[in-house]
């Protein structure tokens, strides 16, 4: 029922990400998509 806020920063010479996202992996499970933002399209995506 609580809340958390995750942050992420990308850096590197001449590196300009066009999209950034979050995935998660629980023990014994595959890494799965959580959410992403595409700055090119201007849209956010979420797992159900």
ModelCIF file with pLDDT and N, C-alpha, C, O atoms, coordinates in Angstrom:
data_MODEL
#
_entry.id   MODEL 
#
_entity.id                         1 
_entity.type                       polymer 
_entity.pdbx_number_of_molecules   1 
#
_entity_poly.entity_id                      1 
_entity_poly.type                           'polypeptide(L)' 
_entity_poly.nstd_linkage                   no 
_entity_poly.nstd_monomer                   no 
_entity_poly.pdbx_seq_one_letter_code       
;(UNK)(UNK)(UNK)(UNK)(UNK)(UNK)(UNK)(UNK)(UNK)(UNK)(UNK)(UNK)(UNK)(UNK)(UNK)(UNK)
(UNK)(UNK)(UNK)(UNK)(UNK)(UNK)(UNK)(UNK)(UNK)(UNK)(UNK)(UNK)(UNK)(UNK)(UNK)(UNK)
(UNK)(UNK)(UNK)(UNK)(UNK)(UNK)(UNK)(UNK)(UNK)(UNK)(UNK)(UNK)(UNK)(UNK)(UNK)(UNK)
;
_entity_poly.pdbx_seq_one_letter_code_can   XXXXXXXXXXXXXXXXXXXXXXXXXXXXXXXXXXXXXXXXXXXXXXXX 
_entity_poly.pdbx_strand_id                 A 
#
loop_
_entity_poly_seq.entity_id 
_entity_poly_seq.num 
_entity_poly_seq.mon_id 
_entity_poly_seq.hetero 
1 1  UNK n 
1 2  UNK n 
1 3  UNK n 
1 4  UNK n 
1 5  UNK n 
1 6  UNK n 
1 7  UNK n 
1 8  UNK n 
1 9  UNK n 
1 10 UNK n 
1 11 UNK n 
1 12 UNK n 
1 13 UNK n 
1 14 UNK n 
1 15 UNK n 
1 16 UNK n 
1 17 UNK n 
1 18 UNK n 
1 19 UNK n 
1 20 UNK n 
1 21 UNK n 
1 22 UNK n 
1 23 UNK n 
1 24 UNK n 
1 25 UNK n 
1 26 UNK n 
1 27 UNK n 
1 28 UNK n 
1 29 UNK n 
1 30 UNK n 
1 31 UNK n 
1 32 UNK n 
1 33 UNK n 
1 34 UNK n 
1 35 UNK n 
1 36 UNK n 
1 37 UNK n 
1 38 UNK n 
1 39 UNK n 
1 40 UNK n 
1 41 UNK n 
1 42 UNK n 
1 43 UNK n 
1 44 UNK n 
1 45 UNK n 
1 46 UNK n 
1 47 UNK n 
1 48 UNK n 
#
_struct_asym.id          A 
_struct_asym.entity_id   1 
#
loop_
_ma_qa_metric.id 
_ma_qa_metric.mode 
_ma_qa_metric.name 
_ma_qa_metric.software_group_id 
_ma_qa_metric.type 
1 global pLDDT . pLDDT 
2 local  pLDDT . pLDDT 
#
_ma_qa_metric_global.metric_id      1 
_ma_qa_metric_global.metric_value   94.54 
_ma_qa_metric_global.model_id       1 
_ma_qa_metric_global.ordinal_id     1 
#
loop_
_ma_qa_metric_local.label_asym_id 
_ma_qa_metric_local.label_comp_id 
_ma_qa_metric_local.label_seq_id 
_ma_qa_metric_local.metric_id 
_ma_qa_metric_local.metric_value 
_ma_qa_metric_local.model_id 
_ma_qa_metric_local.ordinal_id 
A UNK 1  2 98.00 1 1  
A UNK 2  2 98.00 1 2  
A UNK 3  2 98.00 1 3  
A UNK 4  2 98.00 1 4  
A UNK 5  2 98.00 1 5  
A UNK 6  2 98.00 1 6  
A UNK 7  2 98.00 1 7  
A UNK 8  2 97.00 1 8  
A UNK 9  2 96.00 1 9  
A UNK 10 2 94.00 1 10 
A UNK 11 2 91.00 1 11 
A UNK 12 2 89.00 1 12 
A UNK 13 2 85.00 1 13 
A UNK 14 2 84.00 1 14 
A UNK 15 2 85.00 1 15 
A UNK 16 2 89.00 1 16 
A UNK 17 2 92.00 1 17 
A UNK 18 2 93.00 1 18 
A UNK 19 2 95.00 1 19 
A UNK 20 2 96.00 1 20 
A UNK 21 2 96.00 1 21 
A UNK 22 2 98.00 1 22 
A UNK 23 2 98.00 1 23 
A UNK 24 2 98.00 1 24 
A UNK 25 2 98.00 1 25 
A UNK 26 2 97.00 1 26 
A UNK 27 2 93.00 1 27 
A UNK 28 2 95.00 1 28 
A UNK 29 2 97.00 1 29 
A UNK 30 2 97.00 1 30 
A UNK 31 2 97.00 1 31 
A UNK 32 2 98.00 1 32 
A UNK 33 2 98.00 1 33 
A UNK 34 2 98.00 1 34 
A UNK 35 2 98.00 1 35 
A UNK 36 2 97.00 1 36 
A UNK 37 2 95.00 1 37 
A UNK 38 2 93.00 1 38 
A UNK 39 2 87.00 1 39 
A UNK 40 2 87.00 1 40 
A UNK 41 2 85.00 1 41 
A UNK 42 2 87.00 1 42 
A UNK 43 2 92.00 1 43 
A UNK 44 2 96.00 1 44 
A UNK 45 2 97.00 1 45 
A UNK 46 2 98.00 1 46 
A UNK 47 2 98.00 1 47 
A UNK 48 2 98.00 1 48 
#
loop_
_atom_site.group_PDB 
_atom_site.id 
_atom_site.type_symbol 
_atom_site.label_atom_id 
_atom_site.label_alt_id 
_atom_site.label_comp_id 
_atom_site.label_asym_id 
_atom_site.label_entity_id 
_atom_site.label_seq_id 
_atom_site.pdbx_PDB_ins_code 
_atom_site.Cartn_x 
_atom_site.Cartn_y 
_atom_site.Cartn_z 
_atom_site.occupancy 
_atom_site.B_iso_or_equiv 
_atom_site.pdbx_formal_charge 
_atom_site.auth_seq_id 
_atom_site.auth_comp_id 
_atom_site.auth_asym_id 
_atom_site.auth_atom_id 
_atom_site.pdbx_PDB_model_num 
ATOM 1   N N  . UNK A 1 1  ? 0.795  -1.220  0.000   1.00 98.00 ? 1  UNK A N  1 
ATOM 2   C CA . UNK A 1 1  ? 0.000  0.000   0.000   1.00 98.00 ? 1  UNK A CA 1 
ATOM 3   C C  . UNK A 1 1  ? 0.827  1.268   0.000   1.00 98.00 ? 1  UNK A C  1 
ATOM 4   O O  . UNK A 1 1  ? 0.301  2.361   -0.208  1.00 98.00 ? 1  UNK A O  1 
ATOM 5   N N  . UNK A 1 2  ? 2.111  1.121   0.232   1.00 98.00 ? 2  UNK A N  1 
ATOM 6   C CA . UNK A 1 2  ? 2.992  2.275   0.288   1.00 98.00 ? 2  UNK A CA 1 
ATOM 7   C C  . UNK A 1 2  ? 3.478  2.710   -1.085  1.00 98.00 ? 2  UNK A C  1 
ATOM 8   O O  . UNK A 1 2  ? 3.046  2.187   -2.112  1.00 98.00 ? 2  UNK A O  1 
ATOM 9   N N  . UNK A 1 3  ? 4.382  3.677   -1.079  1.00 98.00 ? 3  UNK A N  1 
ATOM 10  C CA . UNK A 1 3  ? 4.894  4.261   -2.321  1.00 98.00 ? 3  UNK A CA 1 
ATOM 11  C C  . UNK A 1 3  ? 6.411  4.325   -2.314  1.00 98.00 ? 3  UNK A C  1 
ATOM 12  O O  . UNK A 1 3  ? 7.045  4.411   -1.263  1.00 98.00 ? 3  UNK A O  1 
ATOM 13  N N  . UNK A 1 4  ? 6.975  4.280   -3.514  1.00 98.00 ? 4  UNK A N  1 
ATOM 14  C CA . UNK A 1 4  ? 8.401  4.491   -3.722  1.00 98.00 ? 4  UNK A CA 1 
ATOM 15  C C  . UNK A 1 4  ? 8.587  5.231   -5.035  1.00 98.00 ? 4  UNK A C  1 
ATOM 16  O O  . UNK A 1 4  ? 7.755  5.134   -5.937  1.00 98.00 ? 4  UNK A O  1 
ATOM 17  N N  . UNK A 1 5  ? 9.678  5.965   -5.135  1.00 98.00 ? 5  UNK A N  1 
ATOM 18  C CA . UNK A 1 5  ? 9.995  6.670   -6.375  1.00 98.00 ? 5  UNK A CA 1 
ATOM 19  C C  . UNK A 1 5  ? 11.402 6.279   -6.810  1.00 98.00 ? 5  UNK A C  1 
ATOM 20  O O  . UNK A 1 5  ? 12.376 6.473   -6.083  1.00 98.00 ? 5  UNK A O  1 
ATOM 21  N N  . UNK A 1 6  ? 11.479 5.725   -8.008  1.00 98.00 ? 6  UNK A N  1 
ATOM 22  C CA . UNK A 1 6  ? 12.761 5.354   -8.580  1.00 98.00 ? 6  UNK A CA 1 
ATOM 23  C C  . UNK A 1 6  ? 13.208 6.432   -9.556  1.00 98.00 ? 6  UNK A C  1 
ATOM 24  O O  . UNK A 1 6  ? 12.393 7.047   -10.244 1.00 98.00 ? 6  UNK A O  1 
ATOM 25  N N  . UNK A 1 7  ? 14.511 6.648   -9.602  1.00 98.00 ? 7  UNK A N  1 
ATOM 26  C CA . UNK A 1 7  ? 15.068 7.614   -10.541 1.00 98.00 ? 7  UNK A CA 1 
ATOM 27  C C  . UNK A 1 7  ? 16.163 6.964   -11.363 1.00 98.00 ? 7  UNK A C  1 
ATOM 28  O O  . UNK A 1 7  ? 16.791 5.995   -10.937 1.00 98.00 ? 7  UNK A O  1 
ATOM 29  N N  . UNK A 1 8  ? 16.379 7.507   -12.539 1.00 97.00 ? 8  UNK A N  1 
ATOM 30  C CA . UNK A 1 8  ? 17.375 6.935   -13.438 1.00 97.00 ? 8  UNK A CA 1 
ATOM 31  C C  . UNK A 1 8  ? 17.973 8.052   -14.274 1.00 97.00 ? 8  UNK A C  1 
ATOM 32  O O  . UNK A 1 8  ? 17.263 8.940   -14.747 1.00 97.00 ? 8  UNK A O  1 
ATOM 33  N N  . UNK A 1 9  ? 19.273 7.999   -14.450 1.00 96.00 ? 9  UNK A N  1 
ATOM 34  C CA . UNK A 1 9  ? 19.963 8.981   -15.279 1.00 96.00 ? 9  UNK A CA 1 
ATOM 35  C C  . UNK A 1 9  ? 20.879 8.267   -16.257 1.00 96.00 ? 9  UNK A C  1 
ATOM 36  O O  . UNK A 1 9  ? 21.641 7.375   -15.882 1.00 96.00 ? 9  UNK A O  1 
ATOM 37  N N  . UNK A 1 10 ? 20.794 8.672   -17.506 1.00 94.00 ? 10 UNK A N  1 
ATOM 38  C CA . UNK A 1 10 ? 21.673 8.131   -18.540 1.00 94.00 ? 10 UNK A CA 1 
ATOM 39  C C  . UNK A 1 10 ? 22.723 9.179   -18.871 1.00 94.00 ? 10 UNK A C  1 
ATOM 40  O O  . UNK A 1 10 ? 22.418 10.367  -18.969 1.00 94.00 ? 10 UNK A O  1 
ATOM 41  N N  . UNK A 1 11 ? 23.946 8.738   -19.040 1.00 91.00 ? 11 UNK A N  1 
ATOM 42  C CA . UNK A 1 11 ? 25.017 9.674   -19.357 1.00 91.00 ? 11 UNK A CA 1 
ATOM 43  C C  . UNK A 1 11 ? 26.023 9.016   -20.291 1.00 91.00 ? 11 UNK A C  1 
ATOM 44  O O  . UNK A 1 11 ? 26.088 7.792   -20.403 1.00 91.00 ? 11 UNK A O  1 
ATOM 45  N N  . UNK A 1 12 ? 26.788 9.841   -20.942 1.00 89.00 ? 12 UNK A N  1 
ATOM 46  C CA . UNK A 1 12 ? 27.810 9.342   -21.850 1.00 89.00 ? 12 UNK A CA 1 
ATOM 47  C C  . UNK A 1 12 ? 28.007 10.292  -22.998 1.00 89.00 ? 12 UNK A C  1 
ATOM 48  O O  . UNK A 1 12 ? 27.086 10.988  -23.426 1.00 89.00 ? 12 UNK A O  1 
ATOM 49  N N  . UNK A 1 13 ? 29.194 10.306  -23.474 1.00 85.00 ? 13 UNK A N  1 
ATOM 50  C CA . UNK A 1 13 ? 29.545 11.222  -24.553 1.00 85.00 ? 13 UNK A CA 1 
ATOM 51  C C  . UNK A 1 13 ? 28.717 10.927  -25.795 1.00 85.00 ? 13 UNK A C  1 
ATOM 52  O O  . UNK A 1 13 ? 28.699 9.799   -26.287 1.00 85.00 ? 13 UNK A O  1 
ATOM 53  N N  . UNK A 1 14 ? 28.040 11.936  -26.293 1.00 84.00 ? 14 UNK A N  1 
ATOM 54  C CA . UNK A 1 14 ? 27.247 11.841  -27.518 1.00 84.00 ? 14 UNK A CA 1 
ATOM 55  C C  . UNK A 1 14 ? 26.121 10.820  -27.440 1.00 84.00 ? 14 UNK A C  1 
ATOM 56  O O  . UNK A 1 14 ? 25.647 10.333  -28.467 1.00 84.00 ? 14 UNK A O  1 
ATOM 57  N N  . UNK A 1 15 ? 25.695 10.499  -26.234 1.00 85.00 ? 15 UNK A N  1 
ATOM 58  C CA . UNK A 1 15 ? 24.609 9.535   -26.089 1.00 85.00 ? 15 UNK A CA 1 
ATOM 59  C C  . UNK A 1 15 ? 23.315 10.274  -25.817 1.00 85.00 ? 15 UNK A C  1 
ATOM 60  O O  . UNK A 1 15 ? 23.187 10.969  -24.809 1.00 85.00 ? 15 UNK A O  1 
ATOM 61  N N  . UNK A 1 16 ? 22.360 10.125  -26.717 1.00 89.00 ? 16 UNK A N  1 
ATOM 62  C CA . UNK A 1 16 ? 21.059 10.762  -26.562 1.00 89.00 ? 16 UNK A CA 1 
ATOM 63  C C  . UNK A 1 16 ? 19.978 9.698   -26.694 1.00 89.00 ? 16 UNK A C  1 
ATOM 64  O O  . UNK A 1 16 ? 19.615 9.325   -27.810 1.00 89.00 ? 16 UNK A O  1 
ATOM 65  N N  . UNK A 1 17 ? 19.463 9.209   -25.582 1.00 92.00 ? 17 UNK A N  1 
ATOM 66  C CA . UNK A 1 17 ? 18.424 8.195   -25.668 1.00 92.00 ? 17 UNK A CA 1 
ATOM 67  C C  . UNK A 1 17 ? 17.131 8.758   -26.234 1.00 92.00 ? 17 UNK A C  1 
ATOM 68  O O  . UNK A 1 17 ? 16.736 9.875   -25.901 1.00 92.00 ? 17 UNK A O  1 
ATOM 69  N N  . UNK A 1 18 ? 16.481 7.995   -27.080 1.00 93.00 ? 18 UNK A N  1 
ATOM 70  C CA . UNK A 1 18 ? 15.197 8.392   -27.647 1.00 93.00 ? 18 UNK A CA 1 
ATOM 71  C C  . UNK A 1 18 ? 14.043 7.813   -26.846 1.00 93.00 ? 18 UNK A C  1 
ATOM 72  O O  . UNK A 1 18 ? 12.900 8.249   -26.980 1.00 93.00 ? 18 UNK A O  1 
ATOM 73  N N  . UNK A 1 19 ? 14.347 6.843   -26.026 1.00 95.00 ? 19 UNK A N  1 
ATOM 74  C CA . UNK A 1 19 ? 13.351 6.250   -25.141 1.00 95.00 ? 19 UNK A CA 1 
ATOM 75  C C  . UNK A 1 19 ? 14.074 5.710   -23.923 1.00 95.00 ? 19 UNK A C  1 
ATOM 76  O O  . UNK A 1 19 ? 15.219 5.266   -24.003 1.00 95.00 ? 19 UNK A O  1 
ATOM 77  N N  . UNK A 1 20 ? 13.384 5.756   -22.798 1.00 96.00 ? 20 UNK A N  1 
ATOM 78  C CA . UNK A 1 20 ? 13.910 5.170   -21.571 1.00 96.00 ? 20 UNK A CA 1 
ATOM 79  C C  . UNK A 1 20 ? 12.792 4.433   -20.872 1.00 96.00 ? 20 UNK A C  1 
ATOM 80  O O  . UNK A 1 20 ? 11.630 4.834   -20.932 1.00 96.00 ? 20 UNK A O  1 
ATOM 81  N N  . UNK A 1 21 ? 13.151 3.362   -20.213 1.00 96.00 ? 21 UNK A N  1 
ATOM 82  C CA . UNK A 1 21 ? 12.104 2.562   -19.592 1.00 96.00 ? 21 UNK A CA 1 
ATOM 83  C C  . UNK A 1 21 ? 12.575 1.818   -18.376 1.00 96.00 ? 21 UNK A C  1 
ATOM 84  O O  . UNK A 1 21 ? 13.752 1.853   -18.016 1.00 96.00 ? 21 UNK A O  1 
ATOM 85  N N  . UNK A 1 22 ? 11.634 1.139   -17.743 1.00 98.00 ? 22 UNK A N  1 
ATOM 86  C CA . UNK A 1 22 ? 11.888 0.323   -16.566 1.00 98.00 ? 22 UNK A CA 1 
ATOM 87  C C  . UNK A 1 22 ? 11.412 -1.098  -16.812 1.00 98.00 ? 22 UNK A C  1 
ATOM 88  O O  . UNK A 1 22 ? 10.330 -1.331  -17.350 1.00 98.00 ? 22 UNK A O  1 
ATOM 89  N N  . UNK A 1 23 ? 12.234 -2.022  -16.410 1.00 98.00 ? 23 UNK A N  1 
ATOM 90  C CA . UNK A 1 23 ? 11.901 -3.434  -16.401 1.00 98.00 ? 23 UNK A CA 1 
ATOM 91  C C  . UNK A 1 23 ? 12.120 -3.949  -14.982 1.00 98.00 ? 23 UNK A C  1 
ATOM 92  O O  . UNK A 1 23 ? 12.768 -3.285  -14.173 1.00 98.00 ? 23 UNK A O  1 
ATOM 93  N N  . UNK A 1 24 ? 11.589 -5.114  -14.680 1.00 98.00 ? 24 UNK A N  1 
ATOM 94  C CA . UNK A 1 24 ? 11.825 -5.699  -13.366 1.00 98.00 ? 24 UNK A CA 1 
ATOM 95  C C  . UNK A 1 24 ? 11.972 -7.200  -13.486 1.00 98.00 ? 24 UNK A C  1 
ATOM 96  O O  . UNK A 1 24 ? 11.466 -7.831  -14.414 1.00 98.00 ? 24 UNK A O  1 
ATOM 97  N N  . UNK A 1 25 ? 12.682 -7.748  -12.518 1.00 98.00 ? 25 UNK A N  1 
ATOM 98  C CA . UNK A 1 25 ? 12.910 -9.186  -12.508 1.00 98.00 ? 25 UNK A CA 1 
ATOM 99  C C  . UNK A 1 25 ? 12.813 -9.704  -11.088 1.00 98.00 ? 25 UNK A C  1 
ATOM 100 O O  . UNK A 1 25 ? 13.598 -9.332  -10.215 1.00 98.00 ? 25 UNK A O  1 
ATOM 101 N N  . UNK A 1 26 ? 11.837 -10.568 -10.875 1.00 97.00 ? 26 UNK A N  1 
ATOM 102 C CA . UNK A 1 26 ? 11.662 -11.211 -9.591  1.00 97.00 ? 26 UNK A CA 1 
ATOM 103 C C  . UNK A 1 26 ? 12.451 -12.523 -9.577  1.00 97.00 ? 26 UNK A C  1 
ATOM 104 O O  . UNK A 1 26 ? 12.749 -13.063 -10.642 1.00 97.00 ? 26 UNK A O  1 
ATOM 105 N N  . UNK A 1 27 ? 12.792 -13.043 -8.409  1.00 93.00 ? 27 UNK A N  1 
ATOM 106 C CA . UNK A 1 27 ? 13.558 -14.291 -8.344  1.00 93.00 ? 27 UNK A CA 1 
ATOM 107 C C  . UNK A 1 27 ? 12.871 -15.421 -9.102  1.00 93.00 ? 27 UNK A C  1 
ATOM 108 O O  . UNK A 1 27 ? 11.683 -15.681 -8.909  1.00 93.00 ? 27 UNK A O  1 
ATOM 109 N N  . UNK A 1 28 ? 13.628 -16.086 -9.960  1.00 95.00 ? 28 UNK A N  1 
ATOM 110 C CA . UNK A 1 28 ? 13.106 -17.216 -10.708 1.00 95.00 ? 28 UNK A CA 1 
ATOM 111 C C  . UNK A 1 28 ? 12.209 -16.868 -11.872 1.00 95.00 ? 28 UNK A C  1 
ATOM 112 O O  . UNK A 1 28 ? 11.620 -17.752 -12.495 1.00 95.00 ? 28 UNK A O  1 
ATOM 113 N N  . UNK A 1 29 ? 12.101 -15.583 -12.169 1.00 97.00 ? 29 UNK A N  1 
ATOM 114 C CA . UNK A 1 29 ? 11.227 -15.151 -13.268 1.00 97.00 ? 29 UNK A CA 1 
ATOM 115 C C  . UNK A 1 29 ? 12.008 -14.407 -14.341 1.00 97.00 ? 29 UNK A C  1 
ATOM 116 O O  . UNK A 1 29 ? 13.139 -13.972 -14.124 1.00 97.00 ? 29 UNK A O  1 
ATOM 117 N N  . UNK A 1 30 ? 11.385 -14.273 -15.494 1.00 97.00 ? 30 UNK A N  1 
ATOM 118 C CA . UNK A 1 30 ? 11.985 -13.522 -16.581 1.00 97.00 ? 30 UNK A CA 1 
ATOM 119 C C  . UNK A 1 30 ? 11.899 -12.018 -16.297 1.00 97.00 ? 30 UNK A C  1 
ATOM 120 O O  . UNK A 1 30 ? 11.016 -11.552 -15.576 1.00 97.00 ? 30 UNK A O  1 
ATOM 121 N N  . UNK A 1 31 ? 12.832 -11.284 -16.879 1.00 97.00 ? 31 UNK A N  1 
ATOM 122 C CA . UNK A 1 31 ? 12.764 -9.828  -16.775 1.00 97.00 ? 31 UNK A CA 1 
ATOM 123 C C  . UNK A 1 31 ? 11.559 -9.352  -17.589 1.00 97.00 ? 31 UNK A C  1 
ATOM 124 O O  . UNK A 1 31 ? 11.388 -9.740  -18.744 1.00 97.00 ? 31 UNK A O  1 
ATOM 125 N N  . UNK A 1 32 ? 10.729 -8.509  -16.975 1.00 98.00 ? 32 UNK A N  1 
ATOM 126 C CA . UNK A 1 32 ? 9.516  -8.075  -17.644 1.00 98.00 ? 32 UNK A CA 1 
ATOM 127 C C  . UNK A 1 32 ? 9.420  -6.559  -17.724 1.00 98.00 ? 32 UNK A C  1 
ATOM 128 O O  . UNK A 1 32 ? 9.981  -5.833  -16.904 1.00 98.00 ? 32 UNK A O  1 
ATOM 129 N N  . UNK A 1 33 ? 8.700  -6.110  -18.727 1.00 98.00 ? 33 UNK A N  1 
ATOM 130 C CA . UNK A 1 33 ? 8.496  -4.681  -18.959 1.00 98.00 ? 33 UNK A CA 1 
ATOM 131 C C  . UNK A 1 33 ? 7.595  -4.097  -17.876 1.00 98.00 ? 33 UNK A C  1 
ATOM 132 O O  . UNK A 1 33 ? 6.637  -4.736  -17.441 1.00 98.00 ? 33 UNK A O  1 
ATOM 133 N N  . UNK A 1 34 ? 7.913  -2.874  -17.446 1.00 98.00 ? 34 UNK A N  1 
ATOM 134 C CA . UNK A 1 34 ? 7.086  -2.169  -16.466 1.00 98.00 ? 34 UNK A CA 1 
ATOM 135 C C  . UNK A 1 34 ? 6.495  -0.898  -17.093 1.00 98.00 ? 34 UNK A C  1 
ATOM 136 O O  . UNK A 1 34 ? 5.277  -0.733  -17.146 1.00 98.00 ? 34 UNK A O  1 
ATOM 137 N N  . UNK A 1 35 ? 7.355  -0.024  -17.558 1.00 98.00 ? 35 UNK A N  1 
ATOM 138 C CA . UNK A 1 35 ? 6.902  1.250   -18.121 1.00 98.00 ? 35 UNK A CA 1 
ATOM 139 C C  . UNK A 1 35 ? 8.019  1.866   -18.946 1.00 98.00 ? 35 UNK A C  1 
ATOM 140 O O  . UNK A 1 35 ? 9.196  1.574   -18.737 1.00 98.00 ? 35 UNK A O  1 
ATOM 141 N N  . UNK A 1 36 ? 7.637  2.719   -19.881 1.00 97.00 ? 36 UNK A N  1 
ATOM 142 C CA . UNK A 1 36 ? 8.644  3.394   -20.710 1.00 97.00 ? 36 UNK A CA 1 
ATOM 143 C C  . UNK A 1 36 ? 8.063  4.683   -21.262 1.00 97.00 ? 36 UNK A C  1 
ATOM 144 O O  . UNK A 1 36 ? 6.847  4.857   -21.348 1.00 97.00 ? 36 UNK A O  1 
ATOM 145 N N  . UNK A 1 37 ? 8.950  5.564   -21.627 1.00 95.00 ? 37 UNK A N  1 
ATOM 146 C CA . UNK A 1 37 ? 8.556  6.802   -22.289 1.00 95.00 ? 37 UNK A CA 1 
ATOM 147 C C  . UNK A 1 37 ? 9.369  6.934   -23.561 1.00 95.00 ? 37 UNK A C  1 
ATOM 148 O O  . UNK A 1 37 ? 10.589 6.771   -23.555 1.00 95.00 ? 37 UNK A O  1 
ATOM 149 N N  . UNK A 1 38 ? 8.682  7.230   -24.645 1.00 93.00 ? 38 UNK A N  1 
ATOM 150 C CA . UNK A 1 38 ? 9.344  7.470   -25.921 1.00 93.00 ? 38 UNK A CA 1 
ATOM 151 C C  . UNK A 1 38 ? 9.263  8.961   -26.207 1.00 93.00 ? 38 UNK A C  1 
ATOM 152 O O  . UNK A 1 38 ? 8.182  9.497   -26.452 1.00 93.00 ? 38 UNK A O  1 
ATOM 153 N N  . UNK A 1 39 ? 10.404 9.622   -26.175 1.00 87.00 ? 39 UNK A N  1 
ATOM 154 C CA . UNK A 1 39 ? 10.391 11.055  -26.412 1.00 87.00 ? 39 UNK A CA 1 
ATOM 155 C C  . UNK A 1 39 ? 10.152 11.394  -27.870 1.00 87.00 ? 39 UNK A C  1 
ATOM 156 O O  . UNK A 1 39 ? 9.696  12.492  -28.187 1.00 87.00 ? 39 UNK A O  1 
ATOM 157 N N  . UNK A 1 40 ? 10.448 10.484  -28.737 1.00 87.00 ? 40 UNK A N  1 
ATOM 158 C CA . UNK A 1 40 ? 10.211 10.700  -30.154 1.00 87.00 ? 40 UNK A CA 1 
ATOM 159 C C  . UNK A 1 40 ? 8.714  10.696  -30.449 1.00 87.00 ? 40 UNK A C  1 
ATOM 160 O O  . UNK A 1 40 ? 8.207  11.557  -31.169 1.00 87.00 ? 40 UNK A O  1 
ATOM 161 N N  . UNK A 1 41 ? 8.035  9.738   -29.896 1.00 85.00 ? 41 UNK A N  1 
ATOM 162 C CA . UNK A 1 41 ? 6.600  9.602   -30.120 1.00 85.00 ? 41 UNK A CA 1 
ATOM 163 C C  . UNK A 1 41 ? 5.810  10.499  -29.170 1.00 85.00 ? 41 UNK A C  1 
ATOM 164 O O  . UNK A 1 41 ? 4.697  10.921  -29.484 1.00 85.00 ? 41 UNK A O  1 
ATOM 165 N N  . UNK A 1 42 ? 6.392  10.786  -28.011 1.00 87.00 ? 42 UNK A N  1 
ATOM 166 C CA . UNK A 1 42 ? 5.696  11.600  -27.016 1.00 87.00 ? 42 UNK A CA 1 
ATOM 167 C C  . UNK A 1 42 ? 4.619  10.828  -26.294 1.00 87.00 ? 42 UNK A C  1 
ATOM 168 O O  . UNK A 1 42 ? 3.528  11.343  -26.046 1.00 87.00 ? 42 UNK A O  1 
ATOM 169 N N  . UNK A 1 43 ? 4.932  9.580   -25.954 1.00 92.00 ? 43 UNK A N  1 
ATOM 170 C CA . UNK A 1 43 ? 3.926  8.706   -25.359 1.00 92.00 ? 43 UNK A CA 1 
ATOM 171 C C  . UNK A 1 43 ? 4.567  7.867   -24.273 1.00 92.00 ? 43 UNK A C  1 
ATOM 172 O O  . UNK A 1 43 ? 5.746  7.520   -24.343 1.00 92.00 ? 43 UNK A O  1 
ATOM 173 N N  . UNK A 1 44 ? 3.766  7.549   -23.265 1.00 96.00 ? 44 UNK A N  1 
ATOM 174 C CA . UNK A 1 44 ? 4.216  6.667   -22.184 1.00 96.00 ? 44 UNK A CA 1 
ATOM 175 C C  . UNK A 1 44 ? 3.499  5.328   -22.294 1.00 96.00 ? 44 UNK A C  1 
ATOM 176 O O  . UNK A 1 44 ? 2.338  5.261   -22.696 1.00 96.00 ? 44 UNK A O  1 
ATOM 177 N N  . UNK A 1 45 ? 4.197  4.285   -21.936 1.00 97.00 ? 45 UNK A N  1 
ATOM 178 C CA . UNK A 1 45 ? 3.672  2.928   -22.052 1.00 97.00 ? 45 UNK A CA 1 
ATOM 179 C C  . UNK A 1 45 ? 3.737  2.249   -20.680 1.00 97.00 ? 45 UNK A C  1 
ATOM 180 O O  . UNK A 1 45 ? 4.662  2.489   -19.903 1.00 97.00 ? 45 UNK A O  1 
ATOM 181 N N  . UNK A 1 46 ? 2.761  1.412   -20.397 1.00 98.00 ? 46 UNK A N  1 
ATOM 182 C CA . UNK A 1 46 ? 2.713  0.712   -19.116 1.00 98.00 ? 46 UNK A CA 1 
ATOM 183 C C  . UNK A 1 46 ? 2.309  -0.743  -19.288 1.00 98.00 ? 46 UNK A C  1 
ATOM 184 O O  . UNK A 1 46 ? 1.521  -1.083  -20.170 1.00 98.00 ? 46 UNK A O  1 
ATOM 185 N N  . UNK A 1 47 ? 2.856  -1.588  -18.441 1.00 98.00 ? 47 UNK A N  1 
ATOM 186 C CA . UNK A 1 47 ? 2.372  -2.958  -18.360 1.00 98.00 ? 47 UNK A CA 1 
ATOM 187 C C  . UNK A 1 47 ? 0.998  -2.938  -17.700 1.00 98.00 ? 47 UNK A C  1 
ATOM 188 O O  . UNK A 1 47 ? 0.725  -2.085  -16.856 1.00 98.00 ? 47 UNK A O  1 
ATOM 189 N N  . UNK A 1 48 ? 0.144  -3.865  -18.077 1.00 98.00 ? 48 UNK A N  1 
ATOM 190 C CA . UNK A 1 48 ? -1.208 -3.907  -17.507 1.00 98.00 ? 48 UNK A CA 1 
ATOM 191 C C  . UNK A 1 48 ? -1.169 -4.033  -15.993 1.00 98.00 ? 48 UNK A C  1 
ATOM 192 O O  . UNK A 1 48 ? -2.218 -4.083  -15.350 1.00 98.00 ? 48 UNK A O  1 
#
